[in-house]
Amino acid sequence: TVFEDTVPSSTLVTEFLPTLLMWSLTAIMPIIVAYSESWLNHFTRSSENYAIMTKTFGYLLFMILILPSLGLATASAFLEWNIKLTNKNETYRFECVFLPDRGAFFVNYVITMCFIGTSLELTRLPDLILYIYKILTARSEAETPYIRKTIISEFPFGIHYTWQLLVFTMGVFYSLACPLITPFALLYLMMKNFNDKHNLYFAYG
């Protein structure tokens, strides 16, 4: 189009920014599902983690893998697909899942999960921000030991299992179409394993 020819496209904007936005949504979605599940009654903690894992994995699988593979990652593409389905004279061909640009998107996503995601899990910035906020809003110094005890939370198995299953499924699904995703998916699983071991031993209650 004329707009694409006149506006220069940057690789950072076209490749890294959509991947970063998708990763951010991947990180926020399990937290929302876990918070909503905390309002429901579960007999055991294992059943709660299993419910979080299955629901979040279904949402993320549909949002991260299925829709971008079919070329429906944007609202305009989804509306165009609906309009062409309602028009009997028009036929809509799904974009092939073996296109190189689709492979590059998923490779960038796995690399982002591998390095940025695991490093943020190791630093635990949200817990640090919450701890600083509680310390600053404490009414007296006597509340400090209580805050240090309550800030230690349990390891969220349902959320972390979901992220591992998503990257594993993505690596297996695109291993033939884009073989470059396989070593990065393996590297992510290794780093995730060491990261979760460290958090289980030292960080969480």
N, C-alpha and C. Protein backbone atom coordinates (compact mmCIF):
# COMPACT_ATOMS: atom_id res chain seq x y z
N THR A 1 0.83 -1.18 0.00
CA THR A 1 0.00 0.00 0.00
C THR A 1 0.87 1.24 0.00
N VAL A 2 0.21 2.42 -0.21
CA VAL A 2 0.95 3.68 -0.24
C VAL A 2 1.50 4.01 1.15
N PHE A 3 0.71 3.69 2.18
CA PHE A 3 1.16 4.00 3.56
C PHE A 3 2.40 3.19 3.92
N GLU A 4 2.43 1.91 3.52
CA GLU A 4 3.59 1.08 3.84
C GLU A 4 4.82 1.51 3.06
N ASP A 5 4.62 2.10 1.84
CA ASP A 5 5.76 2.54 1.05
C ASP A 5 6.32 3.85 1.56
N THR A 6 5.48 4.71 2.11
CA THR A 6 5.95 6.03 2.54
C THR A 6 6.53 6.02 3.94
N VAL A 7 6.01 5.16 4.84
CA VAL A 7 6.48 5.12 6.22
C VAL A 7 7.57 4.08 6.33
N PRO A 8 8.77 4.44 6.79
CA PRO A 8 9.83 3.45 6.94
C PRO A 8 9.53 2.51 8.10
N SER A 9 9.75 1.22 7.87
CA SER A 9 9.46 0.23 8.90
C SER A 9 10.75 -0.16 9.60
N SER A 10 10.71 -0.13 10.91
CA SER A 10 11.85 -0.50 11.72
C SER A 10 11.72 -1.96 12.15
N THR A 11 12.84 -2.66 12.19
CA THR A 11 12.82 -4.05 12.60
C THR A 11 12.42 -4.19 14.07
N LEU A 12 12.82 -3.22 14.88
CA LEU A 12 12.45 -3.24 16.29
C LEU A 12 10.95 -3.13 16.49
N VAL A 13 10.30 -2.30 15.66
CA VAL A 13 8.85 -2.10 15.79
C VAL A 13 8.08 -3.27 15.20
N THR A 14 8.51 -3.76 14.04
CA THR A 14 7.75 -4.80 13.34
C THR A 14 7.98 -6.20 13.89
N GLU A 15 9.15 -6.46 14.48
CA GLU A 15 9.46 -7.80 14.93
C GLU A 15 9.44 -7.94 16.45
N PHE A 16 10.16 -7.05 17.15
CA PHE A 16 10.33 -7.23 18.59
C PHE A 16 9.14 -6.72 19.40
N LEU A 17 8.55 -5.59 18.99
CA LEU A 17 7.46 -5.00 19.76
C LEU A 17 6.22 -5.89 19.81
N PRO A 18 5.74 -6.48 18.68
CA PRO A 18 4.60 -7.40 18.79
C PRO A 18 4.89 -8.61 19.67
N THR A 19 6.13 -9.12 19.58
CA THR A 19 6.50 -10.25 20.42
C THR A 19 6.50 -9.88 21.89
N LEU A 20 7.00 -8.67 22.20
CA LEU A 20 7.03 -8.22 23.59
C LEU A 20 5.62 -8.00 24.13
N LEU A 21 4.74 -7.45 23.30
CA LEU A 21 3.34 -7.26 23.72
C LEU A 21 2.65 -8.60 23.94
N MET A 22 2.92 -9.58 23.05
CA MET A 22 2.33 -10.90 23.20
C MET A 22 2.85 -11.59 24.45
N TRP A 23 4.15 -11.41 24.74
CA TRP A 23 4.72 -12.01 25.95
C TRP A 23 4.13 -11.36 27.20
N SER A 24 3.92 -10.05 27.16
CA SER A 24 3.33 -9.37 28.31
C SER A 24 1.92 -9.88 28.59
N LEU A 25 1.15 -10.09 27.51
CA LEU A 25 -0.20 -10.64 27.68
C LEU A 25 -0.14 -12.07 28.19
N THR A 26 0.88 -12.83 27.77
CA THR A 26 1.05 -14.19 28.27
C THR A 26 1.37 -14.19 29.76
N ALA A 27 2.11 -13.18 30.21
CA ALA A 27 2.45 -13.11 31.63
C ALA A 27 1.28 -12.63 32.48
N ILE A 28 0.42 -11.79 31.92
CA ILE A 28 -0.69 -11.24 32.69
C ILE A 28 -1.88 -12.20 32.76
N MET A 29 -2.12 -12.94 31.67
CA MET A 29 -3.29 -13.82 31.62
C MET A 29 -3.33 -14.87 32.72
N PRO A 30 -2.23 -15.60 33.02
CA PRO A 30 -2.31 -16.57 34.13
C PRO A 30 -2.58 -15.93 35.48
N ILE A 31 -2.08 -14.72 35.69
CA ILE A 31 -2.32 -14.03 36.96
C ILE A 31 -3.80 -13.69 37.11
N ILE A 32 -4.43 -13.25 36.02
CA ILE A 32 -5.87 -12.94 36.06
C ILE A 32 -6.69 -14.20 36.33
N VAL A 33 -6.32 -15.30 35.65
CA VAL A 33 -7.05 -16.55 35.85
C VAL A 33 -6.85 -17.08 37.27
N ALA A 34 -5.60 -16.97 37.79
CA ALA A 34 -5.34 -17.43 39.16
C ALA A 34 -6.10 -16.60 40.18
N TYR A 35 -6.20 -15.30 39.95
CA TYR A 35 -6.95 -14.44 40.87
C TYR A 35 -8.44 -14.76 40.83
N SER A 36 -8.97 -15.04 39.65
CA SER A 36 -10.39 -15.40 39.56
C SER A 36 -10.66 -16.77 40.17
N GLU A 37 -9.68 -17.69 40.06
CA GLU A 37 -9.87 -19.02 40.65
C GLU A 37 -9.80 -18.98 42.17
N SER A 38 -9.12 -17.99 42.72
CA SER A 38 -9.03 -17.90 44.18
C SER A 38 -10.39 -17.60 44.81
N TRP A 39 -11.33 -17.08 44.04
CA TRP A 39 -12.67 -16.80 44.56
C TRP A 39 -13.56 -18.04 44.51
N LEU A 40 -13.13 -19.07 43.82
CA LEU A 40 -13.90 -20.31 43.75
C LEU A 40 -13.44 -21.27 44.84
N ASN A 41 -14.33 -22.20 45.19
CA ASN A 41 -14.02 -23.16 46.23
C ASN A 41 -13.40 -24.41 45.62
N HIS A 42 -12.19 -24.76 46.07
CA HIS A 42 -11.52 -25.98 45.65
C HIS A 42 -11.20 -26.80 46.90
N PHE A 43 -11.33 -28.12 46.76
CA PHE A 43 -11.10 -28.98 47.92
C PHE A 43 -9.62 -29.04 48.29
N THR A 44 -8.75 -29.05 47.28
CA THR A 44 -7.31 -29.13 47.53
C THR A 44 -6.60 -28.06 46.72
N ARG A 45 -5.36 -27.79 47.12
CA ARG A 45 -4.55 -26.84 46.34
C ARG A 45 -4.16 -27.41 44.98
N SER A 46 -4.04 -28.73 44.91
CA SER A 46 -3.71 -29.37 43.63
C SER A 46 -4.83 -29.18 42.61
N SER A 47 -6.07 -29.30 43.05
CA SER A 47 -7.19 -29.10 42.12
C SER A 47 -7.26 -27.65 41.66
N GLU A 48 -6.92 -26.72 42.54
CA GLU A 48 -6.90 -25.31 42.14
C GLU A 48 -5.81 -25.05 41.10
N ASN A 49 -4.62 -25.60 41.33
CA ASN A 49 -3.53 -25.43 40.36
C ASN A 49 -3.85 -26.10 39.03
N TYR A 50 -4.53 -27.26 39.10
CA TYR A 50 -4.91 -27.95 37.86
C TYR A 50 -5.94 -27.14 37.07
N ALA A 51 -6.90 -26.54 37.77
CA ALA A 51 -7.90 -25.71 37.09
C ALA A 51 -7.24 -24.48 36.47
N ILE A 52 -6.31 -23.86 37.18
CA ILE A 52 -5.59 -22.71 36.62
C ILE A 52 -4.80 -23.12 35.39
N MET A 53 -4.14 -24.26 35.46
CA MET A 53 -3.32 -24.72 34.35
C MET A 53 -4.14 -25.01 33.10
N THR A 54 -5.25 -25.75 33.25
CA THR A 54 -6.05 -26.12 32.08
C THR A 54 -6.72 -24.91 31.44
N LYS A 55 -7.28 -24.03 32.24
CA LYS A 55 -7.96 -22.85 31.69
C LYS A 55 -6.98 -21.91 31.01
N THR A 56 -5.87 -21.64 31.68
CA THR A 56 -4.89 -20.71 31.11
C THR A 56 -4.24 -21.28 29.87
N PHE A 57 -3.95 -22.57 29.87
CA PHE A 57 -3.33 -23.19 28.70
C PHE A 57 -4.27 -23.15 27.50
N GLY A 58 -5.56 -23.35 27.73
CA GLY A 58 -6.52 -23.25 26.63
C GLY A 58 -6.59 -21.84 26.05
N TYR A 59 -6.62 -20.84 26.92
CA TYR A 59 -6.66 -19.46 26.44
C TYR A 59 -5.39 -19.10 25.67
N LEU A 60 -4.24 -19.43 26.25
CA LEU A 60 -2.97 -19.06 25.62
C LEU A 60 -2.74 -19.84 24.34
N LEU A 61 -3.15 -21.10 24.30
CA LEU A 61 -2.98 -21.90 23.07
C LEU A 61 -3.79 -21.31 21.93
N PHE A 62 -4.99 -20.85 22.24
CA PHE A 62 -5.83 -20.25 21.20
C PHE A 62 -5.30 -18.87 20.80
N MET A 63 -4.76 -18.12 21.75
CA MET A 63 -4.35 -16.74 21.49
C MET A 63 -2.94 -16.64 20.93
N ILE A 64 -2.02 -17.50 21.38
CA ILE A 64 -0.62 -17.39 20.99
C ILE A 64 -0.29 -18.26 19.79
N LEU A 65 -0.91 -19.44 19.68
CA LEU A 65 -0.51 -20.39 18.65
C LEU A 65 -1.50 -20.49 17.50
N ILE A 66 -2.79 -20.62 17.82
CA ILE A 66 -3.77 -20.92 16.77
C ILE A 66 -4.08 -19.68 15.93
N LEU A 67 -4.47 -18.58 16.58
CA LEU A 67 -4.85 -17.38 15.82
C LEU A 67 -3.69 -16.79 15.01
N PRO A 68 -2.48 -16.60 15.58
CA PRO A 68 -1.39 -16.09 14.74
C PRO A 68 -1.00 -17.04 13.61
N SER A 69 -1.15 -18.36 13.82
CA SER A 69 -0.83 -19.30 12.74
C SER A 69 -1.79 -19.18 11.57
N LEU A 70 -3.03 -18.79 11.83
CA LEU A 70 -4.02 -18.63 10.77
C LEU A 70 -4.06 -17.22 10.20
N GLY A 71 -3.17 -16.36 10.65
CA GLY A 71 -3.14 -15.00 10.15
C GLY A 71 -4.21 -14.11 10.75
N LEU A 72 -4.74 -14.46 11.91
CA LEU A 72 -5.81 -13.69 12.55
C LEU A 72 -5.32 -13.03 13.83
N ALA A 73 -4.08 -12.52 13.77
CA ALA A 73 -3.50 -11.91 14.96
C ALA A 73 -4.01 -10.50 15.21
N THR A 74 -4.63 -9.87 14.21
CA THR A 74 -5.13 -8.51 14.37
C THR A 74 -6.65 -8.51 14.22
N ALA A 75 -7.26 -7.45 14.74
CA ALA A 75 -8.72 -7.33 14.64
C ALA A 75 -9.17 -7.09 13.21
N SER A 76 -8.37 -6.37 12.42
CA SER A 76 -8.74 -6.12 11.02
C SER A 76 -8.76 -7.41 10.22
N ALA A 77 -7.80 -8.30 10.46
CA ALA A 77 -7.79 -9.58 9.75
C ALA A 77 -8.98 -10.44 10.15
N PHE A 78 -9.34 -10.39 11.43
CA PHE A 78 -10.49 -11.17 11.89
C PHE A 78 -11.79 -10.65 11.29
N LEU A 79 -11.95 -9.32 11.20
CA LEU A 79 -13.15 -8.75 10.59
C LEU A 79 -13.20 -9.04 9.09
N GLU A 80 -12.05 -8.96 8.43
CA GLU A 80 -12.01 -9.28 7.00
C GLU A 80 -12.38 -10.73 6.76
N TRP A 81 -11.93 -11.61 7.64
CA TRP A 81 -12.28 -13.03 7.51
C TRP A 81 -13.79 -13.23 7.69
N ASN A 82 -14.41 -12.55 8.64
CA ASN A 82 -15.86 -12.67 8.85
C ASN A 82 -16.65 -12.11 7.67
N ILE A 83 -16.19 -10.98 7.12
CA ILE A 83 -16.90 -10.38 5.98
C ILE A 83 -16.83 -11.29 4.76
N LYS A 84 -15.66 -11.88 4.53
CA LYS A 84 -15.52 -12.74 3.35
C LYS A 84 -16.25 -14.07 3.53
N LEU A 85 -16.45 -14.49 4.78
CA LEU A 85 -17.24 -15.71 4.98
C LEU A 85 -18.72 -15.47 4.73
N THR A 86 -19.20 -14.27 5.07
CA THR A 86 -20.62 -13.97 4.85
C THR A 86 -20.93 -13.74 3.37
N ASN A 87 -19.93 -13.28 2.61
CA ASN A 87 -20.12 -13.08 1.18
C ASN A 87 -19.89 -14.40 0.45
N LYS A 88 -20.90 -14.91 -0.19
CA LYS A 88 -20.80 -16.22 -0.85
C LYS A 88 -19.93 -16.17 -2.09
N ASN A 89 -19.79 -15.01 -2.73
CA ASN A 89 -18.97 -14.92 -3.93
C ASN A 89 -17.47 -14.86 -3.62
N GLU A 90 -17.12 -14.53 -2.39
CA GLU A 90 -15.72 -14.40 -2.01
C GLU A 90 -15.27 -15.67 -1.28
N THR A 91 -14.03 -16.02 -1.50
CA THR A 91 -13.42 -17.14 -0.79
C THR A 91 -12.20 -16.62 -0.04
N TYR A 92 -12.03 -17.09 1.15
CA TYR A 92 -10.91 -16.65 2.00
C TYR A 92 -9.98 -17.83 2.23
N ARG A 93 -8.72 -17.63 1.86
CA ARG A 93 -7.71 -18.67 2.08
C ARG A 93 -6.90 -18.32 3.32
N PHE A 94 -6.84 -19.25 4.26
CA PHE A 94 -6.04 -19.02 5.45
C PHE A 94 -4.56 -18.97 5.06
N GLU A 95 -3.84 -18.06 5.73
CA GLU A 95 -2.41 -18.00 5.49
C GLU A 95 -1.75 -19.27 6.01
N CYS A 96 -0.80 -19.76 5.23
CA CYS A 96 -0.19 -21.04 5.55
C CYS A 96 0.64 -20.92 6.82
N VAL A 97 0.59 -21.97 7.63
CA VAL A 97 1.34 -21.94 8.89
C VAL A 97 2.83 -22.14 8.67
N PHE A 98 3.24 -22.50 7.45
CA PHE A 98 4.65 -22.75 7.18
C PHE A 98 5.36 -21.55 6.56
N LEU A 99 4.76 -20.35 6.65
CA LEU A 99 5.40 -19.17 6.10
C LEU A 99 6.59 -18.77 6.95
N PRO A 100 7.63 -18.19 6.33
CA PRO A 100 8.82 -17.83 7.10
C PRO A 100 8.55 -16.74 8.13
N ASP A 101 7.65 -15.77 7.82
CA ASP A 101 7.41 -14.70 8.78
C ASP A 101 6.70 -15.23 10.02
N ARG A 102 5.83 -16.24 9.87
CA ARG A 102 5.20 -16.85 11.03
C ARG A 102 6.25 -17.55 11.89
N GLY A 103 7.20 -18.24 11.24
CA GLY A 103 8.25 -18.90 12.00
C GLY A 103 9.12 -17.91 12.76
N ALA A 104 9.44 -16.78 12.13
CA ALA A 104 10.25 -15.76 12.81
C ALA A 104 9.53 -15.19 14.02
N PHE A 105 8.22 -15.02 13.92
CA PHE A 105 7.45 -14.50 15.06
C PHE A 105 7.53 -15.44 16.25
N PHE A 106 7.36 -16.74 16.01
CA PHE A 106 7.38 -17.69 17.12
C PHE A 106 8.78 -17.90 17.66
N VAL A 107 9.80 -17.82 16.81
CA VAL A 107 11.17 -17.90 17.30
C VAL A 107 11.48 -16.70 18.20
N ASN A 108 11.06 -15.52 17.78
CA ASN A 108 11.25 -14.33 18.62
C ASN A 108 10.50 -14.46 19.95
N TYR A 109 9.34 -15.07 19.91
CA TYR A 109 8.56 -15.25 21.13
C TYR A 109 9.27 -16.19 22.10
N VAL A 110 9.79 -17.29 21.59
CA VAL A 110 10.48 -18.26 22.46
C VAL A 110 11.77 -17.65 23.01
N ILE A 111 12.48 -16.89 22.19
CA ILE A 111 13.70 -16.23 22.67
C ILE A 111 13.36 -15.22 23.77
N THR A 112 12.28 -14.48 23.59
CA THR A 112 11.86 -13.53 24.62
C THR A 112 11.49 -14.24 25.90
N MET A 113 10.76 -15.34 25.80
CA MET A 113 10.42 -16.12 26.99
C MET A 113 11.66 -16.70 27.65
N CYS A 114 12.64 -17.09 26.83
CA CYS A 114 13.83 -17.75 27.34
C CYS A 114 14.68 -16.80 28.17
N PHE A 115 14.94 -15.62 27.66
CA PHE A 115 15.88 -14.71 28.32
C PHE A 115 15.17 -13.69 29.21
N ILE A 116 14.18 -12.99 28.68
CA ILE A 116 13.52 -11.95 29.47
C ILE A 116 12.58 -12.57 30.50
N GLY A 117 11.81 -13.58 30.09
CA GLY A 117 10.84 -14.17 31.01
C GLY A 117 11.49 -14.85 32.20
N THR A 118 12.51 -15.68 31.95
CA THR A 118 13.16 -16.38 33.06
C THR A 118 13.94 -15.43 33.95
N SER A 119 14.52 -14.40 33.38
CA SER A 119 15.26 -13.43 34.22
C SER A 119 14.31 -12.65 35.12
N LEU A 120 13.12 -12.29 34.61
CA LEU A 120 12.15 -11.59 35.44
C LEU A 120 11.57 -12.51 36.52
N GLU A 121 11.42 -13.79 36.21
CA GLU A 121 10.98 -14.73 37.24
C GLU A 121 12.03 -14.88 38.34
N LEU A 122 13.29 -14.81 37.96
CA LEU A 122 14.36 -14.95 38.94
C LEU A 122 14.47 -13.72 39.83
N THR A 123 14.28 -12.54 39.25
CA THR A 123 14.36 -11.31 40.05
C THR A 123 13.10 -11.07 40.87
N ARG A 124 11.95 -11.58 40.44
CA ARG A 124 10.67 -11.43 41.15
C ARG A 124 10.38 -9.96 41.44
N LEU A 125 10.35 -9.18 40.38
CA LEU A 125 10.10 -7.74 40.53
C LEU A 125 8.72 -7.42 41.11
N PRO A 126 7.64 -8.10 40.71
CA PRO A 126 6.34 -7.77 41.33
C PRO A 126 6.33 -7.99 42.84
N ASP A 127 6.95 -9.07 43.31
CA ASP A 127 7.02 -9.30 44.75
C ASP A 127 7.87 -8.25 45.44
N LEU A 128 8.94 -7.82 44.78
CA LEU A 128 9.78 -6.78 45.36
C LEU A 128 9.04 -5.45 45.47
N ILE A 129 8.28 -5.11 44.44
CA ILE A 129 7.50 -3.86 44.47
C ILE A 129 6.43 -3.93 45.56
N LEU A 130 5.76 -5.09 45.69
CA LEU A 130 4.75 -5.25 46.73
C LEU A 130 5.37 -5.17 48.13
N TYR A 131 6.56 -5.75 48.28
CA TYR A 131 7.25 -5.70 49.59
C TYR A 131 7.64 -4.27 49.95
N ILE A 132 8.17 -3.52 48.98
CA ILE A 132 8.55 -2.12 49.24
C ILE A 132 7.31 -1.29 49.59
N TYR A 133 6.21 -1.55 48.89
CA TYR A 133 4.97 -0.80 49.16
C TYR A 133 4.47 -1.09 50.57
N LYS A 134 4.51 -2.37 50.99
CA LYS A 134 4.02 -2.71 52.33
C LYS A 134 4.94 -2.14 53.41
N ILE A 135 6.25 -2.11 53.16
CA ILE A 135 7.18 -1.55 54.13
C ILE A 135 6.97 -0.04 54.27
N LEU A 136 6.76 0.63 53.14
CA LEU A 136 6.57 2.08 53.19
C LEU A 136 5.24 2.47 53.83
N THR A 137 4.23 1.64 53.68
CA THR A 137 2.92 1.96 54.25
C THR A 137 2.71 1.36 55.64
N ALA A 138 3.74 0.76 56.22
CA ALA A 138 3.62 0.20 57.56
C ALA A 138 3.43 1.32 58.58
N ARG A 139 2.57 1.08 59.56
CA ARG A 139 2.26 2.11 60.55
C ARG A 139 3.34 2.20 61.63
N SER A 140 4.01 1.10 61.90
CA SER A 140 5.05 1.12 62.92
C SER A 140 6.11 0.09 62.56
N GLU A 141 7.25 0.15 63.29
CA GLU A 141 8.33 -0.80 63.05
C GLU A 141 7.97 -2.20 63.53
N ALA A 142 6.99 -2.32 64.40
CA ALA A 142 6.57 -3.64 64.88
C ALA A 142 5.90 -4.47 63.79
N GLU A 143 5.39 -3.83 62.74
CA GLU A 143 4.74 -4.56 61.65
C GLU A 143 5.74 -5.13 60.66
N THR A 144 7.00 -4.73 60.73
CA THR A 144 7.99 -5.19 59.75
C THR A 144 8.21 -6.70 59.79
N PRO A 145 8.38 -7.34 60.96
CA PRO A 145 8.51 -8.82 60.94
C PRO A 145 7.29 -9.53 60.39
N TYR A 146 6.09 -8.99 60.67
CA TYR A 146 4.87 -9.60 60.14
C TYR A 146 4.81 -9.47 58.62
N ILE A 147 5.24 -8.33 58.09
CA ILE A 147 5.25 -8.13 56.64
C ILE A 147 6.23 -9.09 55.98
N ARG A 148 7.38 -9.31 56.61
CA ARG A 148 8.37 -10.22 56.04
C ARG A 148 7.88 -11.66 56.02
N LYS A 149 7.03 -12.02 56.97
CA LYS A 149 6.47 -13.37 56.98
C LYS A 149 5.35 -13.52 55.95
N THR A 150 4.51 -12.51 55.83
CA THR A 150 3.37 -12.63 54.91
C THR A 150 3.78 -12.47 53.45
N ILE A 151 4.93 -11.86 53.17
CA ILE A 151 5.33 -11.66 51.78
C ILE A 151 5.79 -12.96 51.13
N ILE A 152 6.15 -13.97 51.97
CA ILE A 152 6.59 -15.26 51.44
C ILE A 152 5.36 -16.04 51.01
N SER A 153 5.22 -16.26 49.72
CA SER A 153 4.05 -16.95 49.17
C SER A 153 4.44 -18.34 48.69
N GLU A 154 3.43 -19.13 48.35
CA GLU A 154 3.68 -20.47 47.83
C GLU A 154 3.98 -20.42 46.34
N PHE A 155 4.66 -21.44 45.88
CA PHE A 155 5.04 -21.50 44.47
C PHE A 155 3.80 -21.76 43.61
N PRO A 156 3.51 -20.87 42.64
CA PRO A 156 2.30 -21.05 41.80
C PRO A 156 2.53 -22.09 40.70
N PHE A 157 2.26 -23.34 41.02
CA PHE A 157 2.51 -24.42 40.07
C PHE A 157 1.67 -24.29 38.80
N GLY A 158 0.40 -23.90 38.96
CA GLY A 158 -0.47 -23.82 37.79
C GLY A 158 0.00 -22.82 36.76
N ILE A 159 0.53 -21.68 37.20
CA ILE A 159 1.00 -20.66 36.27
C ILE A 159 2.27 -21.12 35.56
N HIS A 160 3.21 -21.67 36.31
CA HIS A 160 4.49 -22.05 35.71
C HIS A 160 4.37 -23.28 34.82
N TYR A 161 3.49 -24.22 35.17
CA TYR A 161 3.24 -25.35 34.29
C TYR A 161 2.65 -24.89 32.96
N THR A 162 1.81 -23.87 33.01
CA THR A 162 1.19 -23.35 31.78
C THR A 162 2.24 -22.78 30.84
N TRP A 163 3.17 -21.98 31.36
CA TRP A 163 4.21 -21.41 30.51
C TRP A 163 5.10 -22.49 29.91
N GLN A 164 5.42 -23.51 30.69
CA GLN A 164 6.25 -24.59 30.17
C GLN A 164 5.52 -25.38 29.08
N LEU A 165 4.26 -25.68 29.31
CA LEU A 165 3.49 -26.42 28.32
C LEU A 165 3.32 -25.62 27.03
N LEU A 166 3.15 -24.30 27.15
CA LEU A 166 2.98 -23.47 25.96
C LEU A 166 4.23 -23.47 25.10
N VAL A 167 5.39 -23.28 25.69
CA VAL A 167 6.63 -23.26 24.92
C VAL A 167 6.95 -24.64 24.36
N PHE A 168 6.67 -25.69 25.13
CA PHE A 168 6.89 -27.05 24.63
C PHE A 168 5.99 -27.35 23.44
N THR A 169 4.72 -26.97 23.53
CA THR A 169 3.79 -27.20 22.42
C THR A 169 4.20 -26.40 21.19
N MET A 170 4.62 -25.17 21.40
CA MET A 170 5.06 -24.33 20.29
C MET A 170 6.31 -24.90 19.62
N GLY A 171 7.25 -25.40 20.43
CA GLY A 171 8.46 -25.98 19.87
C GLY A 171 8.19 -27.24 19.08
N VAL A 172 7.28 -28.08 19.58
CA VAL A 172 6.95 -29.32 18.87
C VAL A 172 6.16 -29.01 17.60
N PHE A 173 5.24 -28.06 17.67
CA PHE A 173 4.38 -27.75 16.53
C PHE A 173 5.17 -27.16 15.38
N TYR A 174 6.14 -26.29 15.67
CA TYR A 174 6.90 -25.62 14.62
C TYR A 174 8.30 -26.19 14.44
N SER A 175 8.57 -27.37 14.98
CA SER A 175 9.90 -27.95 14.84
C SER A 175 10.23 -28.34 13.40
N LEU A 176 9.22 -28.75 12.63
CA LEU A 176 9.45 -29.11 11.23
C LEU A 176 9.40 -27.90 10.31
N ALA A 177 8.47 -26.99 10.56
CA ALA A 177 8.33 -25.81 9.70
C ALA A 177 9.47 -24.84 9.93
N CYS A 178 9.92 -24.69 11.14
CA CYS A 178 11.00 -23.75 11.48
C CYS A 178 11.91 -24.44 12.50
N PRO A 179 12.91 -25.16 12.04
CA PRO A 179 13.77 -25.94 12.97
C PRO A 179 14.56 -25.07 13.94
N LEU A 180 14.70 -23.77 13.65
CA LEU A 180 15.46 -22.89 14.55
C LEU A 180 14.79 -22.73 15.90
N ILE A 181 13.49 -23.01 15.99
CA ILE A 181 12.78 -22.84 17.26
C ILE A 181 13.13 -23.95 18.25
N THR A 182 13.60 -25.09 17.76
CA THR A 182 13.85 -26.24 18.64
C THR A 182 14.96 -25.99 19.66
N PRO A 183 16.15 -25.51 19.25
CA PRO A 183 17.19 -25.28 20.29
C PRO A 183 16.81 -24.21 21.29
N PHE A 184 16.09 -23.18 20.86
CA PHE A 184 15.68 -22.14 21.80
C PHE A 184 14.60 -22.64 22.76
N ALA A 185 13.71 -23.50 22.27
CA ALA A 185 12.72 -24.10 23.17
C ALA A 185 13.39 -25.02 24.18
N LEU A 186 14.40 -25.77 23.74
CA LEU A 186 15.15 -26.62 24.68
C LEU A 186 15.91 -25.77 25.69
N LEU A 187 16.51 -24.68 25.22
CA LEU A 187 17.22 -23.79 26.14
C LEU A 187 16.27 -23.17 27.16
N TYR A 188 15.05 -22.82 26.70
CA TYR A 188 14.06 -22.28 27.64
C TYR A 188 13.69 -23.30 28.70
N LEU A 189 13.45 -24.55 28.30
CA LEU A 189 13.07 -25.57 29.26
C LEU A 189 14.18 -25.82 30.27
N MET A 190 15.44 -25.77 29.84
CA MET A 190 16.56 -25.95 30.76
C MET A 190 16.66 -24.78 31.73
N MET A 191 16.58 -23.55 31.21
CA MET A 191 16.66 -22.39 32.09
C MET A 191 15.46 -22.32 33.02
N LYS A 192 14.30 -22.71 32.53
CA LYS A 192 13.10 -22.72 33.37
C LYS A 192 13.23 -23.74 34.49
N ASN A 193 13.85 -24.88 34.19
CA ASN A 193 14.03 -25.91 35.20
C ASN A 193 14.95 -25.42 36.32
N PHE A 194 16.08 -24.83 35.97
CA PHE A 194 17.00 -24.31 36.99
C PHE A 194 16.39 -23.14 37.75
N ASN A 195 15.63 -22.32 37.03
CA ASN A 195 14.99 -21.17 37.66
C ASN A 195 13.95 -21.61 38.69
N ASP A 196 13.11 -22.58 38.32
CA ASP A 196 12.10 -23.07 39.25
C ASP A 196 12.71 -23.78 40.44
N LYS A 197 13.81 -24.49 40.23
CA LYS A 197 14.50 -25.13 41.35
C LYS A 197 15.00 -24.09 42.36
N HIS A 198 15.60 -23.03 41.83
CA HIS A 198 16.09 -21.97 42.72
C HIS A 198 14.95 -21.31 43.49
N ASN A 199 13.85 -21.02 42.79
CA ASN A 199 12.72 -20.36 43.46
C ASN A 199 12.07 -21.29 44.49
N LEU A 200 11.99 -22.58 44.20
CA LEU A 200 11.41 -23.52 45.16
C LEU A 200 12.27 -23.66 46.40
N TYR A 201 13.58 -23.62 46.24
CA TYR A 201 14.47 -23.81 47.38
C TYR A 201 14.61 -22.55 48.23
N PHE A 202 14.72 -21.40 47.58
CA PHE A 202 15.13 -20.20 48.28
C PHE A 202 14.10 -19.08 48.32
N ALA A 203 13.20 -19.00 47.33
CA ALA A 203 12.36 -17.81 47.22
C ALA A 203 10.97 -18.00 47.84
N TYR A 204 10.31 -19.11 47.50
CA TYR A 204 8.93 -19.30 47.93
C TYR A 204 8.85 -20.11 49.21
N GLY A 205 7.72 -20.00 49.89
CA GLY A 205 7.51 -20.72 51.12
C GLY A 205 7.20 -22.19 50.89
